[in-house]
Amino acid sequence: MVEHYIRRPEIALDDFLPIFLTSSFVLIFGLFYVGVYTLVKMGKLKSYYMPLGYTFWALQTYCLYSFSSMIQSEPFTQKALMVAMVGYLLLPHLYYYLTVRAEERYEQ
């Protein structure tokens, strides 16, 4: 009986650390973006810190693109990830907008 093995692409040991770091930075920068944005909206930080939050989002997007290149994702997957990052940029804005509108409505 002949056994057939599916050969999966392997990550070289030299590539593991950069891939691990970029994937970790995606999470860390995303956390900082949402954290800064939330603290500004809550009034705990001044509004001039908001560009810092957007900088963290840009760094997160760059790290995600770099990560997808390192793992050799298909071009369609890379585009889908970038569309998801635009959604990640806009989602907190939508959430706080809806929260403010709901508070205004229930105050009336």
PDB file of N, CA and C in Angstrom:
ATOM      1  N   MET A   1       0.831  -1.173   0.000  1.00  0.00           N
ATOM      2  CA  MET A   1       0.000   0.000   0.000  1.00  0.00           C
ATOM      3  C   MET A   1       0.881   1.243   0.000  1.00  0.00           C
ATOM      4  N   VAL A   2       0.578   2.167  -0.908  1.00  0.00           N
ATOM      5  CA  VAL A   2       1.360   3.393  -1.031  1.00  0.00           C
ATOM      6  C   VAL A   2       0.652   4.502  -0.250  1.00  0.00           C
ATOM      7  N   GLU A   3       1.412   5.128   0.607  1.00  0.00           N
ATOM      8  CA  GLU A   3       0.836   6.230   1.385  1.00  0.00           C
ATOM      9  C   GLU A   3       1.155   7.546   0.700  1.00  0.00           C
ATOM     10  N   HIS A   4       0.137   8.374   0.598  1.00  0.00           N
ATOM     11  CA  HIS A   4       0.319   9.688  -0.010  1.00  0.00           C
ATOM     12  C   HIS A   4       0.301  10.739   1.088  1.00  0.00           C
ATOM     13  N   TYR A   5       1.325  11.503   1.103  1.00  0.00           N
ATOM     14  CA  TYR A   5       1.406  12.586   2.082  1.00  0.00           C
ATOM     15  C   TYR A   5       1.146  13.906   1.385  1.00  0.00           C
ATOM     16  N   ILE A   6       0.370  14.720   2.031  1.00  0.00           N
ATOM     17  CA  ILE A   6       0.140  16.067   1.506  1.00  0.00           C
ATOM     18  C   ILE A   6       1.281  16.938   1.982  1.00  0.00           C
ATOM     19  N   ARG A   7       1.955  17.520   1.041  1.00  0.00           N
ATOM     20  CA  ARG A   7       3.093  18.348   1.393  1.00  0.00           C
ATOM     21  C   ARG A   7       2.617  19.771   1.610  1.00  0.00           C
ATOM     22  N   ARG A   8       2.745  20.224   2.823  1.00  0.00           N
ATOM     23  CA  ARG A   8       2.355  21.586   3.159  1.00  0.00           C
ATOM     24  C   ARG A   8       3.572  22.482   3.084  1.00  0.00           C
ATOM     25  N   PRO A   9       3.352  23.765   2.732  1.00  0.00           N
ATOM     26  CA  PRO A   9       4.500  24.680   2.729  1.00  0.00           C
ATOM     27  C   PRO A   9       5.036  24.834   4.147  1.00  0.00           C
ATOM     28  N   GLU A  10       6.309  24.876   4.250  1.00  0.00           N
ATOM     29  CA  GLU A  10       6.935  25.007   5.551  1.00  0.00           C
ATOM     30  C   GLU A  10       7.547  26.395   5.679  1.00  0.00           C
ATOM     31  N   ILE A  11       7.532  26.881   6.896  1.00  0.00           N
ATOM     32  CA  ILE A  11       8.156  28.167   7.168  1.00  0.00           C
ATOM     33  C   ILE A  11       9.578  27.889   7.631  1.00  0.00           C
ATOM     34  N   ALA A  12      10.525  28.522   6.975  1.00  0.00           N
ATOM     35  CA  ALA A  12      11.914  28.330   7.358  1.00  0.00           C
ATOM     36  C   ALA A  12      12.138  28.897   8.748  1.00  0.00           C
ATOM     37  N   LEU A  13      13.067  28.334   9.446  1.00  0.00           N
ATOM     38  CA  LEU A  13      13.348  28.768  10.811  1.00  0.00           C
ATOM     39  C   LEU A  13      13.774  30.231  10.845  1.00  0.00           C
ATOM     40  N   ASP A  14      14.469  30.683   9.812  1.00  0.00           N
ATOM     41  CA  ASP A  14      14.893  32.083   9.750  1.00  0.00           C
ATOM     42  C   ASP A  14      13.703  33.021   9.582  1.00  0.00           C
ATOM     43  N   ASP A  15      12.608  32.534   9.003  1.00  0.00           N
ATOM     44  CA  ASP A  15      11.435  33.368   8.774  1.00  0.00           C
ATOM     45  C   ASP A  15      10.463  33.364   9.949  1.00  0.00           C
ATOM     46  N   PHE A  16      10.634  32.460  10.888  1.00  0.00           N
ATOM     47  CA  PHE A  16       9.663  32.335  11.969  1.00  0.00           C
ATOM     48  C   PHE A  16       9.604  33.580  12.843  1.00  0.00           C
ATOM     49  N   LEU A  17      10.738  34.100  13.272  1.00  0.00           N
ATOM     50  CA  LEU A  17      10.747  35.248  14.165  1.00  0.00           C
ATOM     51  C   LEU A  17      10.129  36.485  13.517  1.00  0.00           C
ATOM     52  N   PRO A  18      10.497  36.859  12.279  1.00  0.00           N
ATOM     53  CA  PRO A  18       9.824  38.018  11.678  1.00  0.00           C
ATOM     54  C   PRO A  18       8.316  37.825  11.512  1.00  0.00           C
ATOM     55  N   ILE A  19       7.897  36.632  11.164  1.00  0.00           N
ATOM     56  CA  ILE A  19       6.460  36.371  11.019  1.00  0.00           C
ATOM     57  C   ILE A  19       5.773  36.461  12.371  1.00  0.00           C
ATOM     58  N   PHE A  20       6.371  35.898  13.397  1.00  0.00           N
ATOM     59  CA  PHE A  20       5.803  35.964  14.739  1.00  0.00           C
ATOM     60  C   PHE A  20       5.717  37.407  15.227  1.00  0.00           C
ATOM     61  N   LEU A  21       6.772  38.190  15.015  1.00  0.00           N
ATOM     62  CA  LEU A  21       6.777  39.583  15.486  1.00  0.00           C
ATOM     63  C   LEU A  21       5.752  40.433  14.752  1.00  0.00           C
ATOM     64  N   THR A  22       5.664  40.297  13.435  1.00  0.00           N
ATOM     65  CA  THR A  22       4.698  41.126  12.707  1.00  0.00           C
ATOM     66  C   THR A  22       3.269  40.752  13.069  1.00  0.00           C
ATOM     67  N   SER A  23       3.007  39.471  13.264  1.00  0.00           N
ATOM     68  CA  SER A  23       1.649  39.088  13.661  1.00  0.00           C
ATOM     69  C   SER A  23       1.343  39.582  15.073  1.00  0.00           C
ATOM     70  N   SER A  24       2.331  39.622  15.935  1.00  0.00           N
ATOM     71  CA  SER A  24       2.129  40.153  17.284  1.00  0.00           C
ATOM     72  C   SER A  24       1.904  41.660  17.248  1.00  0.00           C
ATOM     73  N   PHE A  25       2.640  42.353  16.393  1.00  0.00           N
ATOM     74  CA  PHE A  25       2.474  43.802  16.282  1.00  0.00           C
ATOM     75  C   PHE A  25       1.096  44.178  15.752  1.00  0.00           C
ATOM     76  N   VAL A  26       0.519  43.329  14.908  1.00  0.00           N
ATOM     77  CA  VAL A  26      -0.845  43.589  14.436  1.00  0.00           C
ATOM     78  C   VAL A  26      -1.792  43.667  15.629  1.00  0.00           C
ATOM     79  N   LEU A  27      -1.671  42.737  16.546  1.00  0.00           N
ATOM     80  CA  LEU A  27      -2.535  42.731  17.732  1.00  0.00           C
ATOM     81  C   LEU A  27      -2.232  43.892  18.669  1.00  0.00           C
ATOM     82  N   ILE A  28      -0.955  44.158  18.900  1.00  0.00           N
ATOM     83  CA  ILE A  28      -0.569  45.213  19.840  1.00  0.00           C
ATOM     84  C   ILE A  28      -0.987  46.583  19.326  1.00  0.00           C
ATOM     85  N   PHE A  29      -0.694  46.870  18.061  1.00  0.00           N
ATOM     86  CA  PHE A  29      -1.058  48.176  17.511  1.00  0.00           C
ATOM     87  C   PHE A  29      -2.571  48.350  17.431  1.00  0.00           C
ATOM     88  N   GLY A  30      -3.290  47.268  17.158  1.00  0.00           N
ATOM     89  CA  GLY A  30      -4.751  47.337  17.161  1.00  0.00           C
ATOM     90  C   GLY A  30      -5.293  47.650  18.539  1.00  0.00           C
ATOM     91  N   LEU A  31      -4.702  47.062  19.549  1.00  0.00           N
ATOM     92  CA  LEU A  31      -5.097  47.341  20.926  1.00  0.00           C
ATOM     93  C   LEU A  31      -4.840  48.802  21.283  1.00  0.00           C
ATOM     94  N   PHE A  32      -3.686  49.317  20.895  1.00  0.00           N
ATOM     95  CA  PHE A  32      -3.371  50.716  21.181  1.00  0.00           C
ATOM     96  C   PHE A  32      -4.304  51.668  20.429  1.00  0.00           C
ATOM     97  N   TYR A  33      -4.642  51.336  19.186  1.00  0.00           N
ATOM     98  CA  TYR A  33      -5.562  52.185  18.413  1.00  0.00           C
ATOM     99  C   TYR A  33      -6.910  52.293  19.105  1.00  0.00           C
ATOM    100  N   VAL A  34      -7.483  51.155  19.453  1.00  0.00           N
ATOM    101  CA  VAL A  34      -8.798  51.158  20.094  1.00  0.00           C
ATOM    102  C   VAL A  34      -8.710  51.778  21.484  1.00  0.00           C
ATOM    103  N   GLY A  35      -7.622  51.542  22.189  1.00  0.00           N
ATOM    104  CA  GLY A  35      -7.451  52.120  23.513  1.00  0.00           C
ATOM    105  C   GLY A  35      -7.381  53.630  23.484  1.00  0.00           C
ATOM    106  N   VAL A  36      -6.565  54.178  22.594  1.00  0.00           N
ATOM    107  CA  VAL A  36      -6.445  55.634  22.490  1.00  0.00           C
ATOM    108  C   VAL A  36      -7.768  56.226  22.027  1.00  0.00           C
ATOM    109  N   TYR A  37      -8.388  55.619  21.040  1.00  0.00           N
ATOM    110  CA  TYR A  37      -9.661  56.135  20.531  1.00  0.00           C
ATOM    111  C   TYR A  37     -10.730  56.149  21.631  1.00  0.00           C
ATOM    112  N   THR A  38     -10.808  55.066  22.387  1.00  0.00           N
ATOM    113  CA  THR A  38     -11.807  54.981  23.450  1.00  0.00           C
ATOM    114  C   THR A  38     -11.539  55.996  24.548  1.00  0.00           C
ATOM    115  N   LEU A  39     -10.286  56.142  24.940  1.00  0.00           N
ATOM    116  CA  LEU A  39      -9.964  57.102  25.996  1.00  0.00           C
ATOM    117  C   LEU A  39     -10.233  58.535  25.566  1.00  0.00           C
ATOM    118  N   VAL A  40     -10.006  58.853  24.296  1.00  0.00           N
ATOM    119  CA  VAL A  40     -10.321  60.190  23.801  1.00  0.00           C
ATOM    120  C   VAL A  40     -11.825  60.421  23.809  1.00  0.00           C
ATOM    121  N   LYS A  41     -12.585  59.432  23.352  1.00  0.00           N
ATOM    122  CA  LYS A  41     -14.046  59.577  23.324  1.00  0.00           C
ATOM    123  C   LYS A  41     -14.643  59.634  24.726  1.00  0.00           C
ATOM    124  N   MET A  42     -14.010  58.981  25.689  1.00  0.00           N
ATOM    125  CA  MET A  42     -14.498  59.029  27.065  1.00  0.00           C
ATOM    126  C   MET A  42     -14.087  60.319  27.769  1.00  0.00           C
ATOM    127  N   GLY A  43     -13.197  61.078  27.165  1.00  0.00           N
ATOM    128  CA  GLY A  43     -12.742  62.328  27.751  1.00  0.00           C
ATOM    129  C   GLY A  43     -11.574  62.162  28.704  1.00  0.00           C
ATOM    130  N   LYS A  44     -10.975  60.986  28.767  1.00  0.00           N
ATOM    131  CA  LYS A  44      -9.824  60.748  29.645  1.00  0.00           C
ATOM    132  C   LYS A  44      -8.538  61.302  29.039  1.00  0.00           C
ATOM    133  N   LEU A  45      -8.483  61.381  27.715  1.00  0.00           N
ATOM    134  CA  LEU A  45      -7.346  61.982  27.006  1.00  0.00           C
ATOM    135  C   LEU A  45      -7.857  63.150  26.184  1.00  0.00           C
ATOM    136  N   LYS A  46      -6.986  64.110  25.958  1.00  0.00           N
ATOM    137  CA  LYS A  46      -7.341  65.259  25.118  1.00  0.00           C
ATOM    138  C   LYS A  46      -7.475  64.807  23.664  1.00  0.00           C
ATOM    139  N   SER A  47      -8.226  65.579  22.901  1.00  0.00           N
ATOM    140  CA  SER A  47      -8.497  65.189  21.510  1.00  0.00           C
ATOM    141  C   SER A  47      -7.262  65.264  20.615  1.00  0.00           C
ATOM    142  N   TYR A  48      -6.227  65.961  21.040  1.00  0.00           N
ATOM    143  CA  TYR A  48      -5.031  66.020  20.198  1.00  0.00           C
ATOM    144  C   TYR A  48      -4.236  64.715  20.237  1.00  0.00           C
ATOM    145  N   TYR A  49      -4.649  63.748  21.045  1.00  0.00           N
ATOM    146  CA  TYR A  49      -4.035  62.424  21.028  1.00  0.00           C
ATOM    147  C   TYR A  49      -4.618  61.533  19.930  1.00  0.00           C
ATOM    148  N   MET A  50      -5.685  61.977  19.301  1.00  0.00           N
ATOM    149  CA  MET A  50      -6.337  61.153  18.283  1.00  0.00           C
ATOM    150  C   MET A  50      -5.412  60.814  17.108  1.00  0.00           C
ATOM    151  N   PRO A  51      -4.563  61.743  16.619  1.00  0.00           N
ATOM    152  CA  PRO A  51      -3.632  61.332  15.555  1.00  0.00           C
ATOM    153  C   PRO A  51      -2.693  60.194  15.978  1.00  0.00           C
ATOM    154  N   LEU A  52      -2.393  60.114  17.269  1.00  0.00           N
ATOM    155  CA  LEU A  52      -1.584  59.002  17.751  1.00  0.00           C
ATOM    156  C   LEU A  52      -2.340  57.679  17.561  1.00  0.00           C
ATOM    157  N   GLY A  53      -3.631  57.690  17.837  1.00  0.00           N
ATOM    158  CA  GLY A  53      -4.442  56.496  17.607  1.00  0.00           C
ATOM    159  C   GLY A  53      -4.461  56.101  16.142  1.00  0.00           C
ATOM    160  N   TYR A  54      -4.596  57.094  15.265  1.00  0.00           N
ATOM    161  CA  TYR A  54      -4.586  56.795  13.831  1.00  0.00           C
ATOM    162  C   TYR A  54      -3.214  56.302  13.367  1.00  0.00           C
ATOM    163  N   THR A  55      -2.165  56.776  14.017  1.00  0.00           N
ATOM    164  CA  THR A  55      -0.828  56.278  13.706  1.00  0.00           C
ATOM    165  C   THR A  55      -0.718  54.806  14.067  1.00  0.00           C
ATOM    166  N   PHE A  56      -1.286  54.434  15.217  1.00  0.00           N
ATOM    167  CA  PHE A  56      -1.280  53.015  15.589  1.00  0.00           C
ATOM    168  C   PHE A  56      -2.075  52.191  14.581  1.00  0.00           C
ATOM    169  N   TRP A  57      -3.183  52.736  14.070  1.00  0.00           N
ATOM    170  CA  TRP A  57      -3.945  52.010  13.060  1.00  0.00           C
ATOM    171  C   TRP A  57      -3.115  51.828  11.791  1.00  0.00           C
ATOM    172  N   ALA A  58      -2.397  52.878  11.373  1.00  0.00           N
ATOM    173  CA  ALA A  58      -1.561  52.789  10.171  1.00  0.00           C
ATOM    174  C   ALA A  58      -0.444  51.757  10.367  1.00  0.00           C
ATOM    175  N   LEU A  59       0.155  51.743  11.547  1.00  0.00           N
ATOM    176  CA  LEU A  59       1.191  50.749  11.822  1.00  0.00           C
ATOM    177  C   LEU A  59       0.610  49.337  11.818  1.00  0.00           C
ATOM    178  N   GLN A  60      -0.588  49.193  12.340  1.00  0.00           N
ATOM    179  CA  GLN A  60      -1.247  47.888  12.345  1.00  0.00           C
ATOM    180  C   GLN A  60      -1.513  47.430  10.916  1.00  0.00           C
ATOM    181  N   THR A  61      -1.996  48.329  10.093  1.00  0.00           N
ATOM    182  CA  THR A  61      -2.283  47.998   8.700  1.00  0.00           C
ATOM    183  C   THR A  61      -1.009  47.602   7.960  1.00  0.00           C
ATOM    184  N   TYR A  62       0.062  48.355   8.186  1.00  0.00           N
ATOM    185  CA  TYR A  62       1.340  48.029   7.547  1.00  0.00           C
ATOM    186  C   TYR A  62       1.836  46.653   7.997  1.00  0.00           C
ATOM    187  N   CYS A  63       1.753  46.376   9.298  1.00  0.00           N
ATOM    188  CA  CYS A  63       2.212  45.083   9.809  1.00  0.00           C
ATOM    189  C   CYS A  63       1.366  43.935   9.250  1.00  0.00           C
ATOM    190  N   LEU A  64       0.061  44.162   9.111  1.00  0.00           N
ATOM    191  CA  LEU A  64      -0.792  43.116   8.549  1.00  0.00           C
ATOM    192  C   LEU A  64      -0.448  42.857   7.088  1.00  0.00           C
ATOM    193  N   TYR A  65      -0.187  43.929   6.321  1.00  0.00           N
ATOM    194  CA  TYR A  65       0.207  43.754   4.925  1.00  0.00           C
ATOM    195  C   TYR A  65       1.550  43.032   4.832  1.00  0.00           C
ATOM    196  N   SER A  66       2.481  43.429   5.692  1.00  0.00           N
ATOM    197  CA  SER A  66       3.789  42.789   5.713  1.00  0.00           C
ATOM    198  C   SER A  66       3.659  41.308   6.091  1.00  0.00           C
ATOM    199  N   PHE A  67       2.817  41.021   7.072  1.00  0.00           N
ATOM    200  CA  PHE A  67       2.581  39.640   7.491  1.00  0.00           C
ATOM    201  C   PHE A  67       1.998  38.816   6.349  1.00  0.00           C
ATOM    202  N   SER A  68       1.017  39.386   5.649  1.00  0.00           N
ATOM    203  CA  SER A  68       0.406  38.629   4.549  1.00  0.00           C
ATOM    204  C   SER A  68       1.392  38.404   3.407  1.00  0.00           C
ATOM    205  N   SER A  69       2.329  39.324   3.233  1.00  0.00           N
ATOM    206  CA  SER A  69       3.371  39.108   2.214  1.00  0.00           C
ATOM    207  C   SER A  69       4.345  38.025   2.640  1.00  0.00           C
ATOM    208  N   MET A  70       4.681  38.019   3.932  1.00  0.00           N
ATOM    209  CA  MET A  70       5.637  37.021   4.428  1.00  0.00           C
ATOM    210  C   MET A  70       5.098  35.601   4.326  1.00  0.00           C
ATOM    211  N   ILE A  71       3.802  35.437   4.545  1.00  0.00           N
ATOM    212  CA  ILE A  71       3.238  34.087   4.469  1.00  0.00           C
ATOM    213  C   ILE A  71       2.737  33.764   3.061  1.00  0.00           C
ATOM    214  N   GLN A  72       3.028  34.664   2.126  1.00  0.00           N
ATOM    215  CA  GLN A  72       2.736  34.477   0.703  1.00  0.00           C
ATOM    216  C   GLN A  72       1.249  34.259   0.440  1.00  0.00           C
ATOM    217  N   SER A  73       0.443  35.192   0.965  1.00  0.00           N
ATOM    218  CA  SER A  73      -0.991  35.139   0.721  1.00  0.00           C
ATOM    219  C   SER A  73      -1.284  35.492  -0.729  1.00  0.00           C
ATOM    220  N   GLU A  74      -2.416  35.034  -1.205  1.00  0.00           N
ATOM    221  CA  GLU A  74      -2.865  35.379  -2.554  1.00  0.00           C
ATOM    222  C   GLU A  74      -3.206  36.870  -2.599  1.00  0.00           C
ATOM    223  N   PRO A  75      -3.123  37.486  -3.778  1.00  0.00           N
ATOM    224  CA  PRO A  75      -3.462  38.921  -3.882  1.00  0.00           C
ATOM    225  C   PRO A  75      -4.897  39.232  -3.444  1.00  0.00           C
ATOM    226  N   PHE A  76      -5.835  38.338  -3.731  1.00  0.00           N
ATOM    227  CA  PHE A  76      -7.209  38.578  -3.307  1.00  0.00           C
ATOM    228  C   PHE A  76      -7.314  38.621  -1.779  1.00  0.00           C
ATOM    229  N   THR A  77      -6.597  37.732  -1.116  1.00  0.00           N
ATOM    230  CA  THR A  77      -6.611  37.699   0.342  1.00  0.00           C
ATOM    231  C   THR A  77      -6.009  38.969   0.916  1.00  0.00           C
ATOM    232  N   GLN A  78      -4.934  39.445   0.318  1.00  0.00           N
ATOM    233  CA  GLN A  78      -4.327  40.690   0.780  1.00  0.00           C
ATOM    234  C   GLN A  78      -5.295  41.857   0.625  1.00  0.00           C
ATOM    235  N   LYS A  79      -6.006  41.916  -0.482  1.00  0.00           N
ATOM    236  CA  LYS A  79      -6.983  42.986  -0.686  1.00  0.00           C
ATOM    237  C   LYS A  79      -8.128  42.880   0.308  1.00  0.00           C
ATOM    238  N   ALA A  80      -8.571  41.668   0.578  1.00  0.00           N
ATOM    239  CA  ALA A  80      -9.642  41.472   1.555  1.00  0.00           C
ATOM    240  C   ALA A  80      -9.194  41.911   2.945  1.00  0.00           C
ATOM    241  N   LEU A  81      -7.953  41.639   3.287  1.00  0.00           N
ATOM    242  CA  LEU A  81      -7.431  42.073   4.588  1.00  0.00           C
ATOM    243  C   LEU A  81      -7.365  43.594   4.676  1.00  0.00           C
ATOM    244  N   MET A  82      -7.012  44.246   3.590  1.00  0.00           N
ATOM    245  CA  MET A  82      -6.942  45.709   3.611  1.00  0.00           C
ATOM    246  C   MET A  82      -8.343  46.320   3.710  1.00  0.00           C
ATOM    247  N   VAL A  83      -9.319  45.711   3.065  1.00  0.00           N
ATOM    248  CA  VAL A  83     -10.708  46.171   3.207  1.00  0.00           C
ATOM    249  C   VAL A  83     -11.168  45.976   4.655  1.00  0.00           C
ATOM    250  N   ALA A  84     -10.780  44.879   5.257  1.00  0.00           N
ATOM    251  CA  ALA A  84     -11.122  44.639   6.661  1.00  0.00           C
ATOM    252  C   ALA A  84     -10.472  45.685   7.561  1.00  0.00           C
ATOM    253  N   MET A  85      -9.278  46.124   7.222  1.00  0.00           N
ATOM    254  CA  MET A  85      -8.611  47.143   8.034  1.00  0.00           C
ATOM    255  C   MET A  85      -9.322  48.494   7.910  1.00  0.00           C
ATOM    256  N   VAL A  86      -9.855  48.812   6.748  1.00  0.00           N
ATOM    257  CA  VAL A  86     -10.644  50.042   6.616  1.00  0.00           C
ATOM    258  C   VAL A  86     -11.900  49.931   7.484  1.00  0.00           C
ATOM    259  N   GLY A  87     -12.495  48.766   7.502  1.00  0.00           N
ATOM    260  CA  GLY A  87     -13.635  48.536   8.381  1.00  0.00           C
ATOM    261  C   GLY A  87     -13.251  48.680   9.844  1.00  0.00           C
ATOM    262  N   TYR A  88     -12.058  48.198  10.203  1.00  0.00           N
ATOM    263  CA  TYR A  88     -11.581  48.316  11.581  1.00  0.00           C
ATOM    264  C   TYR A  88     -11.331  49.780  11.949  1.00  0.00           C
ATOM    265  N   LEU A  89     -10.962  50.581  10.963  1.00  0.00           N
ATOM    266  CA  LEU A  89     -10.792  52.018  11.205  1.00  0.00           C
ATOM    267  C   LEU A  89     -12.133  52.688  11.457  1.00  0.00           C
ATOM    268  N   LEU A  90     -13.155  52.301  10.703  1.00  0.00           N
ATOM    269  CA  LEU A  90     -14.446  52.977  10.773  1.00  0.00           C
ATOM    270  C   LEU A  90     -15.375  52.441  11.853  1.00  0.00           C
ATOM    271  N   LEU A  91     -15.192  51.211  12.274  1.00  0.00           N
ATOM    272  CA  LEU A  91     -16.114  50.599  13.231  1.00  0.00           C
ATOM    273  C   LEU A  91     -16.204  51.340  14.571  1.00  0.00           C
ATOM    274  N   PRO A  92     -15.103  51.757  15.198  1.00  0.00           N
ATOM    275  CA  PRO A  92     -15.251  52.518  16.446  1.00  0.00           C
ATOM    276  C   PRO A  92     -15.987  53.847  16.250  1.00  0.00           C
ATOM    277  N   HIS A  93     -15.781  54.494  15.102  1.00  0.00           N
ATOM    278  CA  HIS A  93     -16.496  55.735  14.813  1.00  0.00           C
ATOM    279  C   HIS A  93     -17.999  55.484  14.758  1.00  0.00           C
ATOM    280  N   LEU A  94     -18.386  54.424  14.072  1.00  0.00           N
ATOM    281  CA  LEU A  94     -19.797  54.078  13.964  1.00  0.00           C
ATOM    282  C   LEU A  94     -20.376  53.738  15.329  1.00  0.00           C
ATOM    283  N   TYR A  95     -19.651  52.999  16.132  1.00  0.00           N
ATOM    284  CA  TYR A  95     -20.127  52.604  17.458  1.00  0.00           C
ATOM    285  C   TYR A  95     -20.387  53.832  18.334  1.00  0.00           C
ATOM    286  N   TYR A  96     -19.428  54.747  18.392  1.00  0.00           N
ATOM    287  CA  TYR A  96     -19.614  55.913  19.252  1.00  0.00           C
ATOM    288  C   TYR A  96     -20.655  56.879  18.690  1.00  0.00           C
ATOM    289  N   TYR A  97     -20.777  56.952  17.382  1.00  0.00           N
ATOM    290  CA  TYR A  97     -21.821  57.779  16.784  1.00  0.00           C
ATOM    291  C   TYR A  97     -23.200  57.250  17.179  1.00  0.00           C
ATOM    292  N   LEU A  98     -23.380  55.937  17.060  1.00  0.00           N
ATOM    293  CA  LEU A  98     -24.667  55.343  17.419  1.00  0.00           C
ATOM    294  C   LEU A  98     -24.947  55.467  18.913  1.00  0.00           C
ATOM    295  N   THR A  99     -23.923  55.376  19.731  1.00  0.00           N
ATOM    296  CA  THR A  99     -24.093  55.532  21.171  1.00  0.00           C
ATOM    297  C   THR A  99     -24.552  56.946  21.518  1.00  0.00           C
ATOM    298  N   VAL A 100     -23.932  57.929  20.911  1.00  0.00           N
ATOM    299  CA  VAL A 100     -24.308  59.328  21.170  1.00  0.00           C
ATOM    300  C   VAL A 100     -25.722  59.599  20.682  1.00  0.00           C
ATOM    301  N   ARG A 101     -26.056  59.089  19.511  1.00  0.00           N
ATOM    302  CA  ARG A 101     -27.417  59.291  18.984  1.00  0.00           C
ATOM    303  C   ARG A 101     -28.461  58.622  19.880  1.00  0.00           C
ATOM    304  N   ALA A 102     -28.157  57.441  20.399  1.00  0.00           N
ATOM    305  CA  ALA A 102     -29.094  56.753  21.283  1.00  0.00           C
ATOM    306  C   ALA A 102     -29.265  57.521  22.587  1.00  0.00           C
ATOM    307  N   GLU A 103     -28.203  58.072  23.135  1.00  0.00           N
ATOM    308  CA  GLU A 103     -28.304  58.858  24.358  1.00  0.00           C
ATOM    309  C   GLU A 103     -29.137  60.122  24.130  1.00  0.00           C
ATOM    310  N   GLU A 104     -28.928  60.767  22.981  1.00  0.00           N
ATOM    311  CA  GLU A 104     -29.716  61.959  22.668  1.00  0.00           C
ATOM    312  C   GLU A 104     -31.197  61.599  22.540  1.00  0.00           C
ATOM    313  N   ARG A 105     -31.487  60.492  21.948  1.00  0.00           N
ATOM    314  CA  ARG A 105     -32.873  60.094  21.737  1.00  0.00           C
ATOM    315  C   ARG A 105     -33.572  59.793  23.064  1.00  0.00           C
ATOM    316  N   TYR A 106     -32.876  59.108  23.960  1.00  0.00           N
ATOM    317  CA  TYR A 106     -33.501  58.736  25.227  1.00  0.00           C
ATOM    318  C   TYR A 106     -33.546  59.889  26.222  1.00  0.00           C
ATOM    319  N   GLU A 107     -32.757  60.946  25.998  1.00  0.00           N
ATOM    320  CA  GLU A 107     -32.830  62.128  26.858  1.00  0.00           C
ATOM    321  C   GLU A 107     -34.069  62.962  26.554  1.00  0.00           C
ATOM    322  N   GLN A 108     -34.600  62.844  25.371  1.00  0.00           N
ATOM    323  CA  GLN A 108     -35.752  63.657  24.980  1.00  0.00           C
ATOM    324  C   GLN A 108     -37.010  63.203  25.605  1.00  0.00           C
TER     325      GLN A 108
END
